[in-house]
Structures are given as C-alpha cells and as structure tokens.
Amino acid sequence: MELHPERLLLSACEPNKVDIGVMAKSDLSREPAPVVPAADAQALLEGNNAFAFDLYQQVSGEDRNLIYSPYSISLAMAMVYGGAAGETASQIASSLHFNLPPEQLHPAWNALSLDLAQRPAQSKKIDRKNPMLLNIANAVWGQLGYPFEQGYLDLLAVNYGAGVRLVDFSAAPDAALQQINKWVDQETDGKIKEVMPPGSIDPDTRMVLANALFQGGLAGSIRKKVDAGCPLHLAGRHAGAGAHHENRRRDPGADGCGRGLPGAGAAL
C-alpha cells in the first residue's frame, strides 16, 4: 500500500531535540489502556524470560562483566515482527519466544511498556530523594519514498506509539547515520554517543530500528544487522540501545522476508 500524503507529518525540531524531519505515521492514537487478559500478560513475560536465558547462553562465557537488556531487544523485535511475514515471521516468533498470536502479542507489549513507563513516577511515592530513572524509547528509520503498508503504520501507532522516520539512506547515508546517533545520544542522556559506527549505513540500507534504554545512569548499546539475504545476527556491545540495520539489494517482497517492512530478518 502506498503512503498517503495526509499521513506524512513534517515535524519541527524542539529545543535540544533531534529534528525527526518527515515521518510516515498513522493518524491513529496509541491505545492508552489496552485490555489484556492475565493469561496473555503471563505468556508474554514467560516468553521474554525464556529469550533472556537463551540470549545469556549465547553472550556469556567470557571472563568479563556483562550487562544486557533482553526486554529492549524483545520490544524492538516485536516492532519488526509486526511487519514480517512467512518464514521470517515464524523464525522471529520462535527465536524471541513470541508465543501469542499477533493480535494478542502487540496489545500485551503495549500494556507492558506502558506499565514500565509509569514506574519512575510511582517510585517517587516510595523515595522522593532517589526516584527510579528509566527511559525506554524506540524509533523506526525508513527509506524516504518506500511504500510502508498502512496496516503496519497503524500497528506501530496503536501498540507502540511510533511511526517511521523517513531519511534518504540512498542519497545521504552519512547524514542518516548521524541523525540516528544523535537520537540515541539524546534518549540516553548523552551516555551513548554512537550506536551506528562509521560505514555501517550505506546507500543500500532501507531500514533501521533503534531502541534506547536509560536507567539510573546505566546505558549501553547493541546492534542488530540484517543483510540482503535476511539472516539476523546479534553482535553485542552492552545492552541499552540498539539498532536493527537493514540492507536490501533485491525486491523487498521477493523472498517473503517482510510485509509492512522491507524484509526484516529472522535467524537470531
């Protein structure tokens, strides 16, 4: 489905904020109070825990300190999953332990993320001098002119309060890279200056999904990169902020990698 001009929002840069430029965004609002059965909430938590231990087995083993955020990775990949189809969607669900059908999974994620967003304010009632500091943010960066499906934009808006920030990877990859790094720098209170290193974005890039987490002065970064053939690999630094990087040199729908997205990868 083609993007509709009335759905593109041109946003001005707020003071000390990254200019998001043109955004493809649904006109639907985020659901502020999703009704999620207790069984669905429990299934999401159990799946997240299972993925956390699976990931730990992959990244542990060296004689070093290890800090990572399975929640951040799962949340970011849930947004990717919302636009995936076929074998890609199946492998994402299997790897991330997404055990609910999509129509139940995304509202469950919405409820969980909204609950966590309230924790800092709730903590002030317990300890006003040392309240909990927690900021979790997600951003999808897509190629300007790419026809993201309206259904995918609606899903992002209703369940994640997000849209697709449009940049020109093809003509200005370095500028796009700088914009993403500035966003991460902002969302982590200056603790992470760079999540996408020089050269990690090129004219073939079509989508980057970034997740930033800042908790009480603790922040870090992970990167998730997808190549043309659609495999997904996690190359860890420190958990806290991440970027799913998509290069496409073929027809985005040629291999069933994605539906709303330009071919999200699958194999973790």
C-alpha atoms as a PDB file:
ATOM      1  CA  MET A   1       0.000   0.000   0.000  1.00  0.00           C
ATOM      2  CA  GLU A   2       1.350   3.369  -0.929  1.00  0.00           C
ATOM      3  CA  LEU A   3       1.932   6.081   1.664  1.00  0.00           C
ATOM      4  CA  HIS A   4      -0.766   8.731   1.663  1.00  0.00           C
ATOM      5  CA  PRO A   5       0.384  12.382   1.729  1.00  0.00           C
ATOM      6  CA  GLU A   6      -2.070  13.206   4.505  1.00  0.00           C
ATOM      7  CA  ARG A   7      -0.391  10.573   6.680  1.00  0.00           C
ATOM      8  CA  LEU A   8       3.053  12.175   6.412  1.00  0.00           C
ATOM      9  CA  LEU A   9       3.836  14.569   9.224  1.00  0.00           C
ATOM     10  CA  LEU A  10       6.515  17.245   8.943  1.00  0.00           C
ATOM     11  CA  SER A  11       7.688  17.973  12.453  1.00  0.00           C
ATOM     12  CA  ALA A  12       9.806  20.872  13.596  1.00  0.00           C
ATOM     13  CA  CYS A  13      12.756  20.285  15.883  1.00  0.00           C
ATOM     14  CA  GLU A  14      12.088  21.121  19.525  1.00  0.00           C
ATOM     15  CA  PRO A  15      14.865  22.777  21.559  1.00  0.00           C
ATOM     16  CA  ASN A  16      17.638  20.253  22.240  1.00  0.00           C
ATOM     17  CA  LYS A  17      15.700  17.612  20.299  1.00  0.00           C
ATOM     18  CA  VAL A  18      16.698  15.748  17.157  1.00  0.00           C
ATOM     19  CA  ASP A  19      14.830  17.012  14.113  1.00  0.00           C
ATOM     20  CA  ILE A  20      12.795  13.974  13.030  1.00  0.00           C
ATOM     21  CA  GLY A  21      12.047  15.518   9.613  1.00  0.00           C
ATOM     22  CA  VAL A  22       9.366  13.710   7.627  1.00  0.00           C
ATOM     23  CA  MET A  23       7.528  10.916   9.405  1.00  0.00           C
ATOM     24  CA  ALA A  24       5.207   8.289   7.979  1.00  0.00           C
ATOM     25  CA  LYS A  25       2.728   7.863  10.788  1.00  0.00           C
ATOM     26  CA  SER A  26      -0.795   6.614  11.204  1.00  0.00           C
ATOM     27  CA  ASP A  27      -3.410   9.119  12.306  1.00  0.00           C
ATOM     28  CA  LEU A  28      -4.499   6.600  14.942  1.00  0.00           C
ATOM     29  CA  SER A  29      -3.542   7.249  18.568  1.00  0.00           C
ATOM     30  CA  ARG A  30      -1.813   4.846  20.888  1.00  0.00           C
ATOM     31  CA  GLU A  31      -4.195   2.727  22.946  1.00  0.00           C
ATOM     32  CA  PRO A  32      -3.655   4.130  26.471  1.00  0.00           C
ATOM     33  CA  ALA A  33      -5.388   1.314  28.353  1.00  0.00           C
ATOM     34  CA  PRO A  34      -5.155  -1.968  26.427  1.00  0.00           C
ATOM     35  CA  VAL A  35      -7.342  -4.739  27.791  1.00  0.00           C
ATOM     36  CA  VAL A  36      -5.017  -7.720  28.122  1.00  0.00           C
ATOM     37  CA  PRO A  37      -6.089 -10.991  29.773  1.00  0.00           C
ATOM     38  CA  ALA A  38      -3.894 -12.097  32.649  1.00  0.00           C
ATOM     39  CA  ALA A  39      -3.009 -15.248  30.724  1.00  0.00           C
ATOM     40  CA  ASP A  40      -1.681 -13.181  27.806  1.00  0.00           C
ATOM     41  CA  ALA A  41       0.395 -10.973  30.108  1.00  0.00           C
ATOM     42  CA  GLN A  42       1.844 -14.068  31.771  1.00  0.00           C
ATOM     43  CA  ALA A  43       2.613 -15.685  28.415  1.00  0.00           C
ATOM     44  CA  LEU A  44       4.483 -12.565  27.300  1.00  0.00           C
ATOM     45  CA  LEU A  45       6.536 -12.452  30.497  1.00  0.00           C
ATOM     46  CA  GLU A  46       7.366 -16.150  30.323  1.00  0.00           C
ATOM     47  CA  GLY A  47       8.425 -15.807  26.695  1.00  0.00           C
ATOM     48  CA  ASN A  48      10.593 -12.796  27.493  1.00  0.00           C
ATOM     49  CA  ASN A  49      12.264 -14.685  30.331  1.00  0.00           C
ATOM     50  CA  ALA A  50      12.917 -17.679  28.093  1.00  0.00           C
ATOM     51  CA  PHE A  51      14.524 -15.440  25.474  1.00  0.00           C
ATOM     52  CA  ALA A  52      16.600 -13.699  28.154  1.00  0.00           C
ATOM     53  CA  PHE A  53      18.138 -17.003  29.269  1.00  0.00           C
ATOM     54  CA  ASP A  54      18.630 -18.156  25.679  1.00  0.00           C
ATOM     55  CA  LEU A  55      20.477 -14.932  24.905  1.00  0.00           C
ATOM     56  CA  TYR A  56      22.558 -15.192  28.058  1.00  0.00           C
ATOM     57  CA  GLN A  57      23.790 -18.600  26.947  1.00  0.00           C
ATOM     58  CA  GLN A  58      24.930 -17.023  23.679  1.00  0.00           C
ATOM     59  CA  VAL A  59      26.712 -13.946  25.081  1.00  0.00           C
ATOM     60  CA  SER A  60      28.121 -15.295  28.355  1.00  0.00           C
ATOM     61  CA  GLY A  61      31.225 -17.362  28.807  1.00  0.00           C
ATOM     62  CA  GLU A  62      33.973 -14.770  28.710  1.00  0.00           C
ATOM     63  CA  ASP A  63      35.667 -13.578  31.889  1.00  0.00           C
ATOM     64  CA  ARG A  64      34.099 -10.128  31.885  1.00  0.00           C
ATOM     65  CA  ASN A  65      31.215  -8.148  33.272  1.00  0.00           C
ATOM     66  CA  LEU A  66      28.038  -8.495  31.244  1.00  0.00           C
ATOM     67  CA  ILE A  67      25.108  -6.112  31.167  1.00  0.00           C
ATOM     68  CA  TYR A  68      22.343  -6.590  28.649  1.00  0.00           C
ATOM     69  CA  SER A  69      18.659  -5.762  28.272  1.00  0.00           C
ATOM     70  CA  PRO A  70      16.584  -8.653  26.895  1.00  0.00           C
ATOM     71  CA  TYR A  71      13.469  -6.520  27.265  1.00  0.00           C
ATOM     72  CA  SER A  72      14.866  -3.879  24.915  1.00  0.00           C
ATOM     73  CA  ILE A  73      15.776  -6.447  22.286  1.00  0.00           C
ATOM     74  CA  SER A  74      12.416  -8.205  22.528  1.00  0.00           C
ATOM     75  CA  LEU A  75      10.483  -4.937  22.338  1.00  0.00           C
ATOM     76  CA  ALA A  76      12.436  -3.759  19.314  1.00  0.00           C
ATOM     77  CA  MET A  77      11.998  -7.094  17.569  1.00  0.00           C
ATOM     78  CA  ALA A  78       8.266  -7.080  18.331  1.00  0.00           C
ATOM     79  CA  MET A  79       8.080  -3.959  16.188  1.00  0.00           C
ATOM     80  CA  VAL A  80       9.964  -5.763  13.423  1.00  0.00           C
ATOM     81  CA  TYR A  81       7.713  -8.795  13.840  1.00  0.00           C
ATOM     82  CA  GLY A  82       4.685  -6.595  13.244  1.00  0.00           C
ATOM     83  CA  GLY A  83       5.811  -6.080   9.653  1.00  0.00           C
ATOM     84  CA  ALA A  84       7.207  -9.540   8.937  1.00  0.00           C
ATOM     85  CA  ALA A  85       5.553 -12.402   7.076  1.00  0.00           C
ATOM     86  CA  GLY A  86       6.060 -16.030   6.146  1.00  0.00           C
ATOM     87  CA  GLU A  87       9.197 -17.826   7.284  1.00  0.00           C
ATOM     88  CA  THR A  88      10.683 -14.599   8.612  1.00  0.00           C
ATOM     89  CA  ALA A  89       7.760 -14.072  10.988  1.00  0.00           C
ATOM     90  CA  SER A  90       7.901 -17.729  12.036  1.00  0.00           C
ATOM     91  CA  GLN A  91      11.605 -17.594  12.872  1.00  0.00           C
ATOM     92  CA  ILE A  92      11.323 -14.313  14.761  1.00  0.00           C
ATOM     93  CA  ALA A  93       8.472 -15.728  16.860  1.00  0.00           C
ATOM     94  CA  SER A  94      10.434 -18.910  17.556  1.00  0.00           C
ATOM     95  CA  SER A  95      13.717 -17.173  18.406  1.00  0.00           C
ATOM     96  CA  LEU A  96      12.140 -14.494  20.601  1.00  0.00           C
ATOM     97  CA  HIS A  97       9.627 -16.886  22.200  1.00  0.00           C
ATOM     98  CA  PHE A  98       6.649 -14.887  20.982  1.00  0.00           C
ATOM     99  CA  ASN A  99       4.069 -17.476  21.962  1.00  0.00           C
ATOM    100  CA  LEU A 100       0.950 -15.365  21.424  1.00  0.00           C
ATOM    101  CA  PRO A 101      -0.740 -14.737  18.069  1.00  0.00           C
ATOM    102  CA  PRO A 102      -0.002 -11.230  16.712  1.00  0.00           C
ATOM    103  CA  GLU A 103      -3.449  -9.862  17.555  1.00  0.00           C
ATOM    104  CA  GLN A 104      -2.757 -10.685  21.223  1.00  0.00           C
ATOM    105  CA  LEU A 105       1.001 -10.149  21.304  1.00  0.00           C
ATOM    106  CA  HIS A 106       1.137  -6.488  20.322  1.00  0.00           C
ATOM    107  CA  PRO A 107      -1.522  -5.315  22.824  1.00  0.00           C
ATOM    108  CA  ALA A 108       0.339  -7.277  25.512  1.00  0.00           C
ATOM    109  CA  TRP A 109       3.542  -5.439  24.617  1.00  0.00           C
ATOM    110  CA  ASN A 110       1.654  -2.153  24.733  1.00  0.00           C
ATOM    111  CA  ALA A 111       0.370  -2.900  28.224  1.00  0.00           C
ATOM    112  CA  LEU A 112       3.797  -3.962  29.491  1.00  0.00           C
ATOM    113  CA  SER A 113       5.646  -0.957  28.082  1.00  0.00           C
ATOM    114  CA  LEU A 114       3.012   1.471  29.399  1.00  0.00           C
ATOM    115  CA  ASP A 115       3.301  -0.129  32.828  1.00  0.00           C
ATOM    116  CA  LEU A 116       7.087   0.248  32.864  1.00  0.00           C
ATOM    117  CA  ALA A 117       6.788   3.864  31.729  1.00  0.00           C
ATOM    118  CA  GLN A 118       4.818   4.604  34.915  1.00  0.00           C
ATOM    119  CA  ARG A 119       7.411   3.131  37.261  1.00  0.00           C
ATOM    120  CA  PRO A 120       9.575   6.285  37.680  1.00  0.00           C
ATOM    121  CA  ALA A 121       6.570   8.321  38.810  1.00  0.00           C
ATOM    122  CA  GLN A 122       5.453   5.521  41.118  1.00  0.00           C
ATOM    123  CA  SER A 123       8.916   5.275  42.648  1.00  0.00           C
ATOM    124  CA  LYS A 124       8.739   8.900  43.791  1.00  0.00           C
ATOM    125  CA  LYS A 125       5.999   7.896  46.215  1.00  0.00           C
ATOM    126  CA  ILE A 126       8.439   5.478  47.824  1.00  0.00           C
ATOM    127  CA  ASP A 127      11.658   7.511  47.716  1.00  0.00           C
ATOM    128  CA  ARG A 128      11.389  11.147  46.657  1.00  0.00           C
ATOM    129  CA  LYS A 129      15.127  11.757  47.058  1.00  0.00           C
ATOM    130  CA  ASN A 130      16.229   8.829  44.907  1.00  0.00           C
ATOM    131  CA  PRO A 131      13.468   8.090  42.399  1.00  0.00           C
ATOM    132  CA  MET A 132      13.883   5.453  39.757  1.00  0.00           C
ATOM    133  CA  LEU A 133      15.241   6.759  36.458  1.00  0.00           C
ATOM    134  CA  LEU A 134      14.026   4.866  33.401  1.00  0.00           C
ATOM    135  CA  ASN A 135      13.628   5.951  29.807  1.00  0.00           C
ATOM    136  CA  ILE A 136      12.835   3.446  27.059  1.00  0.00           C
ATOM    137  CA  ALA A 137      12.441   4.745  23.508  1.00  0.00           C
ATOM    138  CA  ASN A 138      12.076   3.170  20.072  1.00  0.00           C
ATOM    139  CA  ALA A 139      12.372   4.639  16.609  1.00  0.00           C
ATOM    140  CA  VAL A 140      11.989   3.141  13.144  1.00  0.00           C
ATOM    141  CA  TRP A 141      14.008   4.829  10.400  1.00  0.00           C
ATOM    142  CA  GLY A 142      12.935   4.015   6.849  1.00  0.00           C
ATOM    143  CA  GLN A 143      13.948   4.934   3.320  1.00  0.00           C
ATOM    144  CA  LEU A 144      12.216   8.059   2.079  1.00  0.00           C
ATOM    145  CA  GLY A 145       9.715   7.031  -0.597  1.00  0.00           C
ATOM    146  CA  TYR A 146       9.462   3.381   0.462  1.00  0.00           C
ATOM    147  CA  PRO A 147       5.791   2.227   0.460  1.00  0.00           C
ATOM    148  CA  PHE A 148       5.319   1.070   4.055  1.00  0.00           C
ATOM    149  CA  GLU A 149       1.910  -0.552   4.379  1.00  0.00           C
ATOM    150  CA  GLN A 150      -0.731   1.453   6.185  1.00  0.00           C
ATOM    151  CA  GLY A 151      -1.616  -1.549   8.325  1.00  0.00           C
ATOM    152  CA  TYR A 152       1.939  -1.646   9.646  1.00  0.00           C
ATOM    153  CA  LEU A 153       1.885   2.069  10.424  1.00  0.00           C
ATOM    154  CA  ASP A 154      -1.410   1.586  12.265  1.00  0.00           C
ATOM    155  CA  LEU A 155       0.059  -1.274  14.306  1.00  0.00           C
ATOM    156  CA  LEU A 156       3.083   0.815  15.304  1.00  0.00           C
ATOM    157  CA  ALA A 157       0.907   3.767  16.294  1.00  0.00           C
ATOM    158  CA  VAL A 158      -1.718   1.871  18.306  1.00  0.00           C
ATOM    159  CA  ASN A 159       0.594  -0.520  20.146  1.00  0.00           C
ATOM    160  CA  TYR A 160       3.938   1.279  20.337  1.00  0.00           C
ATOM    161  CA  GLY A 161       3.146   4.971  19.882  1.00  0.00           C
ATOM    162  CA  ALA A 162       5.582   5.032  16.979  1.00  0.00           C
ATOM    163  CA  GLY A 163       5.823   5.889  13.307  1.00  0.00           C
ATOM    164  CA  VAL A 164       8.525   5.552  10.662  1.00  0.00           C
ATOM    165  CA  ARG A 165      11.052   8.381  10.471  1.00  0.00           C
ATOM    166  CA  LEU A 166      11.909   8.862   6.813  1.00  0.00           C
ATOM    167  CA  VAL A 167      15.502   9.561   5.796  1.00  0.00           C
ATOM    168  CA  ASP A 168      17.308   9.226   2.485  1.00  0.00           C
ATOM    169  CA  PHE A 169      19.701   6.335   3.025  1.00  0.00           C
ATOM    170  CA  SER A 170      20.243   6.073  -0.733  1.00  0.00           C
ATOM    171  CA  ALA A 171      21.425   9.627  -1.339  1.00  0.00           C
ATOM    172  CA  ALA A 172      22.732  10.650   2.087  1.00  0.00           C
ATOM    173  CA  PRO A 173      23.725   7.609   4.213  1.00  0.00           C
ATOM    174  CA  ASP A 174      26.188   9.543   6.366  1.00  0.00           C
ATOM    175  CA  ALA A 175      23.581  12.169   7.250  1.00  0.00           C
ATOM    176  CA  ALA A 176      21.124   9.407   8.175  1.00  0.00           C
ATOM    177  CA  LEU A 177      23.754   7.733  10.365  1.00  0.00           C
ATOM    178  CA  GLN A 178      24.449  10.999  12.181  1.00  0.00           C
ATOM    179  CA  GLN A 179      20.735  11.562  12.767  1.00  0.00           C
ATOM    180  CA  ILE A 180      20.276   8.107  14.299  1.00  0.00           C
ATOM    181  CA  ASN A 181      23.303   8.517  16.555  1.00  0.00           C
ATOM    182  CA  LYS A 182      22.067  11.939  17.684  1.00  0.00           C
ATOM    183  CA  TRP A 183      18.719  10.389  18.581  1.00  0.00           C
ATOM    184  CA  VAL A 184      20.392   7.670  20.673  1.00  0.00           C
ATOM    185  CA  ASP A 185      22.641  10.273  22.331  1.00  0.00           C
ATOM    186  CA  GLN A 186      19.559  12.277  23.264  1.00  0.00           C
ATOM    187  CA  GLU A 187      17.500   9.351  24.528  1.00  0.00           C
ATOM    188  CA  THR A 188      20.327   8.019  26.746  1.00  0.00           C
ATOM    189  CA  ASP A 189      21.077  11.421  28.280  1.00  0.00           C
ATOM    190  CA  GLY A 190      24.394  11.622  26.473  1.00  0.00           C
ATOM    191  CA  LYS A 191      25.676   8.269  27.777  1.00  0.00           C
ATOM    192  CA  ILE A 192      25.823   6.682  24.296  1.00  0.00           C
ATOM    193  CA  LYS A 193      27.313   8.821  21.557  1.00  0.00           C
ATOM    194  CA  GLU A 194      27.372   6.223  18.813  1.00  0.00           C
ATOM    195  CA  VAL A 195      25.354   3.096  18.159  1.00  0.00           C
ATOM    196  CA  MET A 196      25.935   3.043  14.391  1.00  0.00           C
ATOM    197  CA  PRO A 197      29.684   3.251  13.669  1.00  0.00           C
ATOM    198  CA  PRO A 198      31.033   4.959  10.532  1.00  0.00           C
ATOM    199  CA  GLY A 199      30.318   2.952   7.412  1.00  0.00           C
ATOM    200  CA  SER A 200      27.557   0.827   8.988  1.00  0.00           C
ATOM    201  CA  ILE A 201      24.931   2.573   6.856  1.00  0.00           C
ATOM    202  CA  ASP A 202      25.341   2.671   3.086  1.00  0.00           C
ATOM    203  CA  PRO A 203      23.151   3.526   0.072  1.00  0.00           C
ATOM    204  CA  ASP A 204      21.657   0.012   0.143  1.00  0.00           C
ATOM    205  CA  THR A 205      20.257   0.439   3.661  1.00  0.00           C
ATOM    206  CA  ARG A 206      16.464   0.590   3.741  1.00  0.00           C
ATOM    207  CA  MET A 207      15.501   0.388   7.397  1.00  0.00           C
ATOM    208  CA  VAL A 208      16.998   0.859  10.864  1.00  0.00           C
ATOM    209  CA  LEU A 209      15.126   0.049  14.051  1.00  0.00           C
ATOM    210  CA  ALA A 210      16.685   1.721  17.084  1.00  0.00           C
ATOM    211  CA  ASN A 211      15.950   1.055  20.737  1.00  0.00           C
ATOM    212  CA  ALA A 212      17.386   3.148  23.561  1.00  0.00           C
ATOM    213  CA  LEU A 213      17.207   2.418  27.278  1.00  0.00           C
ATOM    214  CA  PHE A 214      18.487   4.688  30.035  1.00  0.00           C
ATOM    215  CA  GLN A 215      18.179   3.550  33.650  1.00  0.00           C
ATOM    216  CA  GLY A 216      19.649   5.461  36.528  1.00  0.00           C
ATOM    217  CA  GLY A 217      22.845   6.384  34.684  1.00  0.00           C
ATOM    218  CA  LEU A 218      23.324   2.911  33.201  1.00  0.00           C
ATOM    219  CA  ALA A 219      23.305   2.707  29.422  1.00  0.00           C
ATOM    220  CA  GLY A 220      24.977   0.762  26.655  1.00  0.00           C
ATOM    221  CA  SER A 221      24.471  -0.438  23.124  1.00  0.00           C
ATOM    222  CA  ILE A 222      23.769  -3.427  20.946  1.00  0.00           C
ATOM    223  CA  ARG A 223      23.495  -3.679  17.192  1.00  0.00           C
ATOM    224  CA  LYS A 224      21.307  -5.935  15.120  1.00  0.00           C
ATOM    225  CA  LYS A 225      22.156  -6.082  11.445  1.00  0.00           C
ATOM    226  CA  VAL A 226      20.313  -7.685   8.562  1.00  0.00           C
ATOM    227  CA  ASP A 227      21.967  -8.296   5.210  1.00  0.00           C
ATOM    228  CA  ALA A 228      20.366  -8.754   1.821  1.00  0.00           C
ATOM    229  CA  GLY A 229      19.649 -12.445   2.337  1.00  0.00           C
ATOM    230  CA  CYS A 230      17.627 -11.749   5.502  1.00  0.00           C
ATOM    231  CA  PRO A 231      19.575 -13.527   8.270  1.00  0.00           C
ATOM    232  CA  LEU A 232      19.697 -11.569  11.520  1.00  0.00           C
ATOM    233  CA  HIS A 233      22.735 -11.620  13.769  1.00  0.00           C
ATOM    234  CA  LEU A 234      23.226 -10.034  17.193  1.00  0.00           C
ATOM    235  CA  ALA A 235      26.664  -8.509  17.712  1.00  0.00           C
ATOM    236  CA  GLY A 236      26.682  -7.332  21.304  1.00  0.00           C
ATOM    237  CA  ARG A 237      28.403  -4.445  22.959  1.00  0.00           C
ATOM    238  CA  HIS A 238      26.394  -3.510  26.035  1.00  0.00           C
ATOM    239  CA  ALA A 239      22.635  -3.684  26.335  1.00  0.00           C
ATOM    240  CA  GLY A 240      20.727  -0.416  26.474  1.00  0.00           C
ATOM    241  CA  ALA A 241      20.472   0.906  22.957  1.00  0.00           C
ATOM    242  CA  GLY A 242      20.377  -0.967  19.729  1.00  0.00           C
ATOM    243  CA  ALA A 243      19.844  -0.683  16.027  1.00  0.00           C
ATOM    244  CA  HIS A 244      18.384  -3.162  13.601  1.00  0.00           C
ATOM    245  CA  HIS A 245      20.095  -2.383  10.305  1.00  0.00           C
ATOM    246  CA  GLU A 246      18.555  -3.490   7.038  1.00  0.00           C
ATOM    247  CA  ASN A 247      20.370  -3.606   3.691  1.00  0.00           C
ATOM    248  CA  ARG A 248      18.297  -4.505   0.660  1.00  0.00           C
ATOM    249  CA  ARG A 249      19.633  -5.102  -2.848  1.00  0.00           C
ATOM    250  CA  ARG A 250      16.647  -7.048  -4.116  1.00  0.00           C
ATOM    251  CA  ASP A 251      12.886  -6.668  -4.350  1.00  0.00           C
ATOM    252  CA  PRO A 252      11.744  -6.294  -0.699  1.00  0.00           C
ATOM    253  CA  GLY A 253       8.958  -8.808  -1.210  1.00  0.00           C
ATOM    254  CA  ALA A 254      10.815 -11.276  -3.379  1.00  0.00           C
ATOM    255  CA  ASP A 255      11.650 -13.778  -0.643  1.00  0.00           C
ATOM    256  CA  GLY A 256       8.798 -13.237   1.775  1.00  0.00           C
ATOM    257  CA  CYS A 257      11.073 -11.578   4.325  1.00  0.00           C
ATOM    258  CA  GLY A 258       8.634  -8.816   5.127  1.00  0.00           C
ATOM    259  CA  ARG A 259       5.222  -7.399   4.500  1.00  0.00           C
ATOM    260  CA  GLY A 260       4.938  -3.987   6.177  1.00  0.00           C
ATOM    261  CA  LEU A 261       8.716  -3.741   6.461  1.00  0.00           C
ATOM    262  CA  PRO A 262      11.342  -4.040   3.745  1.00  0.00           C
ATOM    263  CA  GLY A 263      12.309  -7.597   4.670  1.00  0.00           C
ATOM    264  CA  ALA A 264      13.017  -7.939   8.365  1.00  0.00           C
ATOM    265  CA  GLY A 265      15.486 -10.721   9.027  1.00  0.00           C
ATOM    266  CA  ALA A 266      14.832 -13.777  11.051  1.00  0.00           C
ATOM    267  CA  ALA A 267      17.574 -16.088  12.347  1.00  0.00           C
ATOM    268  CA  LEU A 268      18.955 -14.917  15.682  1.00  0.00           C
END
